[in-house]
N, C-alpha and C. Protein backbone atom coordinates (compact mmCIF):
# COMPACT_ATOMS: atom_id res chain seq x y z
N THR A 1 -13.12 -17.53 -33.50
CA THR A 1 -13.70 -18.14 -32.32
C THR A 1 -13.39 -19.63 -32.34
N THR A 2 -12.89 -20.13 -31.24
CA THR A 2 -12.57 -21.55 -31.11
C THR A 2 -13.62 -22.19 -30.22
N ARG A 3 -14.14 -23.32 -30.66
CA ARG A 3 -15.11 -24.05 -29.87
C ARG A 3 -14.55 -25.43 -29.54
N LEU A 4 -14.85 -25.89 -28.34
CA LEU A 4 -14.44 -27.22 -27.93
C LEU A 4 -15.49 -28.23 -28.36
N VAL A 5 -15.04 -29.30 -29.00
CA VAL A 5 -15.97 -30.33 -29.46
C VAL A 5 -15.45 -31.71 -29.09
N GLY A 6 -16.33 -32.69 -29.15
CA GLY A 6 -15.94 -34.07 -28.92
C GLY A 6 -15.27 -34.30 -27.58
N SER A 7 -14.13 -35.00 -27.61
CA SER A 7 -13.43 -35.33 -26.37
C SER A 7 -12.90 -34.10 -25.66
N GLU A 8 -12.68 -33.01 -26.39
CA GLU A 8 -12.21 -31.78 -25.75
C GLU A 8 -13.25 -31.24 -24.78
N MET A 9 -14.51 -31.51 -25.02
CA MET A 9 -15.55 -31.05 -24.11
C MET A 9 -15.38 -31.69 -22.74
N CYS A 10 -14.94 -32.94 -22.71
CA CYS A 10 -14.71 -33.61 -21.43
C CYS A 10 -13.63 -32.89 -20.64
N ILE A 11 -12.58 -32.46 -21.31
CA ILE A 11 -11.51 -31.72 -20.63
C ILE A 11 -12.07 -30.42 -20.09
N ARG A 12 -12.82 -29.71 -20.89
CA ARG A 12 -13.40 -28.44 -20.46
C ARG A 12 -14.29 -28.64 -19.24
N ASP A 13 -15.06 -29.69 -19.23
CA ASP A 13 -15.98 -29.92 -18.13
C ASP A 13 -15.28 -30.35 -16.84
N ARG A 14 -14.04 -30.81 -16.93
CA ARG A 14 -13.28 -31.22 -15.75
C ARG A 14 -12.27 -30.18 -15.29
N LEU A 15 -12.12 -29.12 -16.04
CA LEU A 15 -11.12 -28.10 -15.74
C LEU A 15 -11.51 -27.32 -14.49
N LYS A 16 -10.64 -27.32 -13.49
CA LYS A 16 -10.90 -26.62 -12.23
C LYS A 16 -10.03 -25.38 -12.09
N LYS A 17 -8.86 -25.40 -12.72
CA LYS A 17 -7.90 -24.32 -12.58
C LYS A 17 -7.41 -23.92 -13.97
N LEU A 18 -7.36 -22.59 -14.20
CA LEU A 18 -6.93 -22.09 -15.51
C LEU A 18 -6.07 -20.86 -15.33
N ALA A 19 -4.97 -20.80 -16.05
CA ALA A 19 -4.11 -19.61 -16.07
C ALA A 19 -3.98 -19.15 -17.52
N ILE A 20 -4.31 -17.90 -17.75
CA ILE A 20 -4.12 -17.29 -19.06
C ILE A 20 -3.04 -16.23 -18.86
N VAL A 21 -1.86 -16.53 -19.36
CA VAL A 21 -0.71 -15.69 -19.08
C VAL A 21 -0.06 -15.23 -20.38
N ARG A 22 0.14 -13.93 -20.46
CA ARG A 22 0.84 -13.29 -21.57
C ARG A 22 0.18 -13.56 -22.92
N GLY A 23 -0.45 -12.55 -23.43
CA GLY A 23 -1.06 -12.72 -24.73
C GLY A 23 -1.69 -11.44 -25.23
N LYS A 24 -2.21 -11.53 -26.42
CA LYS A 24 -2.83 -10.37 -27.06
C LYS A 24 -4.34 -10.47 -27.09
N ILE A 25 -4.90 -11.41 -26.30
CA ILE A 25 -6.35 -11.55 -26.31
C ILE A 25 -7.00 -10.27 -25.78
N SER A 26 -8.16 -9.97 -26.31
CA SER A 26 -8.86 -8.76 -25.89
C SER A 26 -10.19 -9.08 -25.22
N SER A 27 -10.47 -10.37 -25.06
CA SER A 27 -11.75 -10.76 -24.49
C SER A 27 -11.64 -12.13 -23.83
N ILE A 28 -12.45 -12.32 -22.80
CA ILE A 28 -12.55 -13.64 -22.19
C ILE A 28 -13.91 -14.26 -22.52
N ALA A 29 -14.52 -13.77 -23.58
CA ALA A 29 -15.84 -14.27 -24.00
C ALA A 29 -15.82 -15.79 -24.10
N GLY A 30 -16.81 -16.41 -23.53
CA GLY A 30 -16.93 -17.87 -23.57
C GLY A 30 -16.33 -18.57 -22.36
N ILE A 31 -15.62 -17.85 -21.52
CA ILE A 31 -14.97 -18.49 -20.37
C ILE A 31 -15.99 -19.10 -19.41
N ALA A 32 -17.17 -18.54 -19.37
CA ALA A 32 -18.21 -19.05 -18.47
C ALA A 32 -18.73 -20.42 -18.89
N THR A 33 -18.36 -20.88 -20.09
CA THR A 33 -18.78 -22.22 -20.51
C THR A 33 -17.94 -23.31 -19.85
N ILE A 34 -16.88 -22.91 -19.16
CA ILE A 34 -16.06 -23.88 -18.43
C ILE A 34 -16.76 -24.15 -17.10
N LYS A 35 -17.53 -25.19 -17.08
CA LYS A 35 -18.32 -25.53 -15.89
C LYS A 35 -17.41 -26.05 -14.78
N GLY A 36 -17.57 -25.53 -13.59
CA GLY A 36 -16.80 -26.00 -12.46
C GLY A 36 -15.47 -25.31 -12.26
N LEU A 37 -15.16 -24.28 -13.02
CA LEU A 37 -13.90 -23.56 -12.86
C LEU A 37 -13.84 -22.92 -11.48
N GLU A 38 -12.80 -23.25 -10.72
CA GLU A 38 -12.67 -22.76 -9.34
C GLU A 38 -11.57 -21.74 -9.16
N SER A 39 -10.54 -21.81 -10.00
CA SER A 39 -9.39 -20.92 -9.83
C SER A 39 -8.98 -20.38 -11.20
N LEU A 40 -8.79 -19.05 -11.26
CA LEU A 40 -8.42 -18.41 -12.52
C LEU A 40 -7.33 -17.38 -12.28
N GLN A 41 -6.30 -17.45 -13.11
CA GLN A 41 -5.25 -16.43 -13.10
C GLN A 41 -5.23 -15.76 -14.46
N LEU A 42 -5.28 -14.45 -14.45
CA LEU A 42 -5.15 -13.64 -15.66
C LEU A 42 -3.92 -12.76 -15.46
N ALA A 43 -2.93 -12.89 -16.34
CA ALA A 43 -1.69 -12.16 -16.14
C ALA A 43 -1.09 -11.68 -17.45
N LEU A 44 -0.53 -10.49 -17.40
CA LEU A 44 0.17 -9.92 -18.55
C LEU A 44 -0.72 -9.86 -19.79
N LEU A 45 -1.91 -9.34 -19.60
CA LEU A 45 -2.90 -9.23 -20.69
C LEU A 45 -3.28 -7.76 -20.88
N PRO A 46 -2.47 -7.00 -21.59
CA PRO A 46 -2.71 -5.56 -21.71
C PRO A 46 -3.93 -5.18 -22.54
N ASN A 47 -4.47 -6.10 -23.31
CA ASN A 47 -5.61 -5.78 -24.17
C ASN A 47 -6.95 -6.16 -23.57
N ILE A 48 -6.94 -6.69 -22.35
CA ILE A 48 -8.18 -7.04 -21.66
C ILE A 48 -8.73 -5.78 -20.99
N TYR A 49 -9.99 -5.47 -21.27
CA TYR A 49 -10.63 -4.30 -20.69
C TYR A 49 -11.81 -4.65 -19.80
N GLN A 50 -12.50 -5.75 -20.12
CA GLN A 50 -13.71 -6.10 -19.38
C GLN A 50 -13.64 -7.53 -18.89
N LEU A 51 -14.06 -7.71 -17.64
CA LEU A 51 -14.07 -9.04 -17.04
C LEU A 51 -15.43 -9.40 -16.46
N GLU A 52 -16.45 -8.69 -16.88
CA GLU A 52 -17.79 -8.92 -16.33
C GLU A 52 -18.29 -10.34 -16.53
N GLU A 53 -17.82 -11.04 -17.55
CA GLU A 53 -18.28 -12.40 -17.79
C GLU A 53 -17.92 -13.34 -16.64
N LEU A 54 -16.94 -12.97 -15.83
CA LEU A 54 -16.57 -13.81 -14.69
C LEU A 54 -17.73 -14.00 -13.73
N VAL A 55 -18.64 -13.08 -13.71
CA VAL A 55 -19.83 -13.17 -12.84
C VAL A 55 -20.66 -14.41 -13.20
N GLU A 56 -20.55 -14.86 -14.42
CA GLU A 56 -21.32 -16.01 -14.89
C GLU A 56 -20.67 -17.35 -14.53
N ILE A 57 -19.60 -17.31 -13.74
CA ILE A 57 -18.94 -18.54 -13.29
C ILE A 57 -19.26 -18.71 -11.80
N PRO A 58 -20.31 -19.45 -11.48
CA PRO A 58 -20.76 -19.53 -10.09
C PRO A 58 -19.81 -20.28 -9.17
N THR A 59 -18.87 -21.04 -9.72
CA THR A 59 -17.97 -21.86 -8.91
C THR A 59 -16.61 -21.20 -8.66
N LEU A 60 -16.38 -20.00 -9.18
CA LEU A 60 -15.08 -19.34 -9.08
C LEU A 60 -14.78 -18.93 -7.64
N LYS A 61 -13.76 -19.58 -7.04
CA LYS A 61 -13.40 -19.33 -5.65
C LYS A 61 -12.13 -18.49 -5.51
N LYS A 62 -11.22 -18.64 -6.45
CA LYS A 62 -9.94 -17.94 -6.36
C LYS A 62 -9.68 -17.21 -7.68
N LEU A 63 -9.34 -15.92 -7.57
CA LEU A 63 -9.08 -15.10 -8.75
C LEU A 63 -7.80 -14.31 -8.53
N THR A 64 -6.90 -14.42 -9.49
CA THR A 64 -5.66 -13.63 -9.48
C THR A 64 -5.60 -12.84 -10.77
N ILE A 65 -5.42 -11.53 -10.64
CA ILE A 65 -5.27 -10.66 -11.81
C ILE A 65 -4.02 -9.84 -11.60
N ASN A 66 -3.05 -10.04 -12.49
CA ASN A 66 -1.85 -9.24 -12.38
C ASN A 66 -1.37 -8.75 -13.74
N THR A 67 -0.90 -7.55 -13.75
CA THR A 67 -0.37 -6.88 -14.92
C THR A 67 -1.41 -6.85 -16.05
N CYS A 68 -2.62 -6.54 -15.68
CA CYS A 68 -3.72 -6.27 -16.62
C CYS A 68 -4.12 -4.82 -16.36
N LYS A 69 -3.44 -3.90 -16.99
CA LYS A 69 -3.51 -2.49 -16.62
C LYS A 69 -4.67 -1.71 -17.22
N ASN A 70 -5.51 -2.37 -18.00
CA ASN A 70 -6.57 -1.62 -18.69
C ASN A 70 -7.98 -2.07 -18.34
N ILE A 71 -8.16 -2.71 -17.20
CA ILE A 71 -9.51 -3.13 -16.78
C ILE A 71 -10.35 -1.87 -16.59
N SER A 72 -11.49 -1.82 -17.29
CA SER A 72 -12.31 -0.60 -17.28
C SER A 72 -13.16 -0.46 -16.03
N SER A 73 -13.53 -1.57 -15.40
CA SER A 73 -14.36 -1.51 -14.20
C SER A 73 -14.08 -2.73 -13.33
N TRP A 74 -14.06 -2.49 -12.03
CA TRP A 74 -13.83 -3.57 -11.07
C TRP A 74 -15.12 -3.95 -10.35
N ASP A 75 -16.23 -3.37 -10.72
CA ASP A 75 -17.51 -3.64 -10.04
C ASP A 75 -17.89 -5.12 -10.06
N PHE A 76 -17.48 -5.84 -11.08
CA PHE A 76 -17.82 -7.26 -11.20
C PHE A 76 -17.34 -8.05 -9.98
N LEU A 77 -16.28 -7.59 -9.32
CA LEU A 77 -15.74 -8.32 -8.16
C LEU A 77 -16.80 -8.51 -7.08
N LEU A 78 -17.67 -7.53 -6.94
CA LEU A 78 -18.71 -7.59 -5.90
C LEU A 78 -19.79 -8.61 -6.22
N GLU A 79 -19.85 -9.06 -7.46
CA GLU A 79 -20.90 -9.99 -7.89
C GLU A 79 -20.42 -11.44 -7.98
N LEU A 80 -19.17 -11.69 -7.65
CA LEU A 80 -18.64 -13.06 -7.69
C LEU A 80 -19.08 -13.79 -6.42
N LYS A 81 -20.11 -14.58 -6.54
CA LYS A 81 -20.79 -15.16 -5.38
C LYS A 81 -19.97 -16.17 -4.58
N SER A 82 -19.10 -16.93 -5.24
CA SER A 82 -18.34 -17.96 -4.53
C SER A 82 -16.92 -17.53 -4.20
N LEU A 83 -16.53 -16.33 -4.57
CA LEU A 83 -15.15 -15.88 -4.39
C LEU A 83 -14.74 -15.88 -2.92
N LYS A 84 -13.60 -16.52 -2.65
CA LYS A 84 -13.06 -16.60 -1.29
C LYS A 84 -11.68 -15.95 -1.20
N HIS A 85 -10.94 -15.96 -2.31
CA HIS A 85 -9.56 -15.50 -2.31
C HIS A 85 -9.30 -14.66 -3.56
N LEU A 86 -8.76 -13.46 -3.36
CA LEU A 86 -8.52 -12.53 -4.46
C LEU A 86 -7.12 -11.96 -4.35
N VAL A 87 -6.39 -12.00 -5.46
CA VAL A 87 -5.07 -11.39 -5.52
C VAL A 87 -5.03 -10.47 -6.72
N LEU A 88 -4.75 -9.19 -6.47
CA LEU A 88 -4.61 -8.18 -7.52
C LEU A 88 -3.28 -7.49 -7.32
N PHE A 89 -2.42 -7.49 -8.34
CA PHE A 89 -1.17 -6.76 -8.21
C PHE A 89 -0.62 -6.38 -9.58
N ALA A 90 0.22 -5.36 -9.58
CA ALA A 90 0.90 -4.86 -10.78
C ALA A 90 -0.07 -4.46 -11.88
N ASN A 91 -1.24 -3.95 -11.49
CA ASN A 91 -2.21 -3.49 -12.48
C ASN A 91 -2.10 -1.98 -12.68
N GLY A 92 -0.95 -1.42 -12.35
CA GLY A 92 -0.72 0.01 -12.52
C GLY A 92 -1.60 0.83 -11.58
N ASN A 93 -2.00 1.97 -12.04
CA ASN A 93 -2.88 2.84 -11.24
C ASN A 93 -4.33 2.40 -11.32
N ASN A 94 -4.59 1.37 -12.08
CA ASN A 94 -5.94 0.88 -12.28
C ASN A 94 -6.26 -0.18 -11.23
N THR A 95 -6.83 0.25 -10.13
CA THR A 95 -7.17 -0.67 -9.05
C THR A 95 -8.61 -0.43 -8.61
N PRO A 96 -9.21 -1.39 -7.93
CA PRO A 96 -10.57 -1.18 -7.43
C PRO A 96 -10.62 0.00 -6.46
N SER A 97 -11.75 0.64 -6.42
CA SER A 97 -11.94 1.76 -5.50
C SER A 97 -11.90 1.27 -4.06
N LYS A 98 -11.70 2.20 -3.16
CA LYS A 98 -11.69 1.87 -1.72
C LYS A 98 -13.04 1.29 -1.31
N GLN A 99 -14.10 1.80 -1.90
CA GLN A 99 -15.46 1.30 -1.61
C GLN A 99 -15.57 -0.19 -1.98
N ILE A 100 -15.02 -0.56 -3.11
CA ILE A 100 -15.07 -1.96 -3.55
C ILE A 100 -14.21 -2.83 -2.64
N THR A 101 -12.99 -2.40 -2.33
CA THR A 101 -12.12 -3.23 -1.50
C THR A 101 -12.69 -3.39 -0.09
N GLU A 102 -13.29 -2.35 0.44
CA GLU A 102 -13.91 -2.47 1.77
C GLU A 102 -15.09 -3.45 1.74
N ALA A 103 -15.88 -3.39 0.68
CA ALA A 103 -17.02 -4.31 0.54
C ALA A 103 -16.53 -5.75 0.42
N LEU A 104 -15.44 -5.97 -0.28
CA LEU A 104 -14.87 -7.32 -0.41
C LEU A 104 -14.40 -7.84 0.95
N ARG A 105 -13.75 -6.99 1.71
CA ARG A 105 -13.29 -7.40 3.04
C ARG A 105 -14.46 -7.73 3.96
N LYS A 106 -15.51 -6.94 3.87
CA LYS A 106 -16.71 -7.20 4.68
C LYS A 106 -17.34 -8.54 4.33
N LYS A 107 -17.20 -8.95 3.07
CA LYS A 107 -17.73 -10.24 2.64
C LYS A 107 -16.83 -11.39 3.07
N GLY A 108 -15.68 -11.07 3.64
CA GLY A 108 -14.76 -12.11 4.10
C GLY A 108 -13.82 -12.63 3.05
N ILE A 109 -13.68 -11.93 1.95
CA ILE A 109 -12.78 -12.35 0.88
C ILE A 109 -11.35 -11.99 1.29
N ILE A 110 -10.50 -13.01 1.33
CA ILE A 110 -9.11 -12.79 1.74
C ILE A 110 -8.22 -12.60 0.52
N GLY A 111 -7.03 -12.07 0.74
CA GLY A 111 -6.07 -11.93 -0.33
C GLY A 111 -5.36 -10.61 -0.29
N VAL A 112 -4.76 -10.26 -1.41
CA VAL A 112 -4.02 -9.03 -1.57
C VAL A 112 -4.72 -8.21 -2.65
N TYR A 113 -5.30 -7.09 -2.24
CA TYR A 113 -5.97 -6.21 -3.20
C TYR A 113 -6.07 -4.81 -2.68
């Protein structure tokens, strides 16, 4: 586990946009400690299964998830209170249900999903 300390905390507190691309990480635990995060891209992460912690980021407005083929549940998408823009692609046969995508559209969330 890596923790941000000292001057690194200032960077974390000012971070608005983050891309985690290509890796063997299996968890996004701790991501909610990035206060003020508005845009997140998760790409090419085959070992990621759960993204429920994203619900704990109240400022998240834009989310892109691509080539993350093992997400176990997409229900968390409905709980992202500030989400305005969503892009999901190349996640294989693992996509949100029609019920979830319809609910997202009714909430006015734009994007490709």
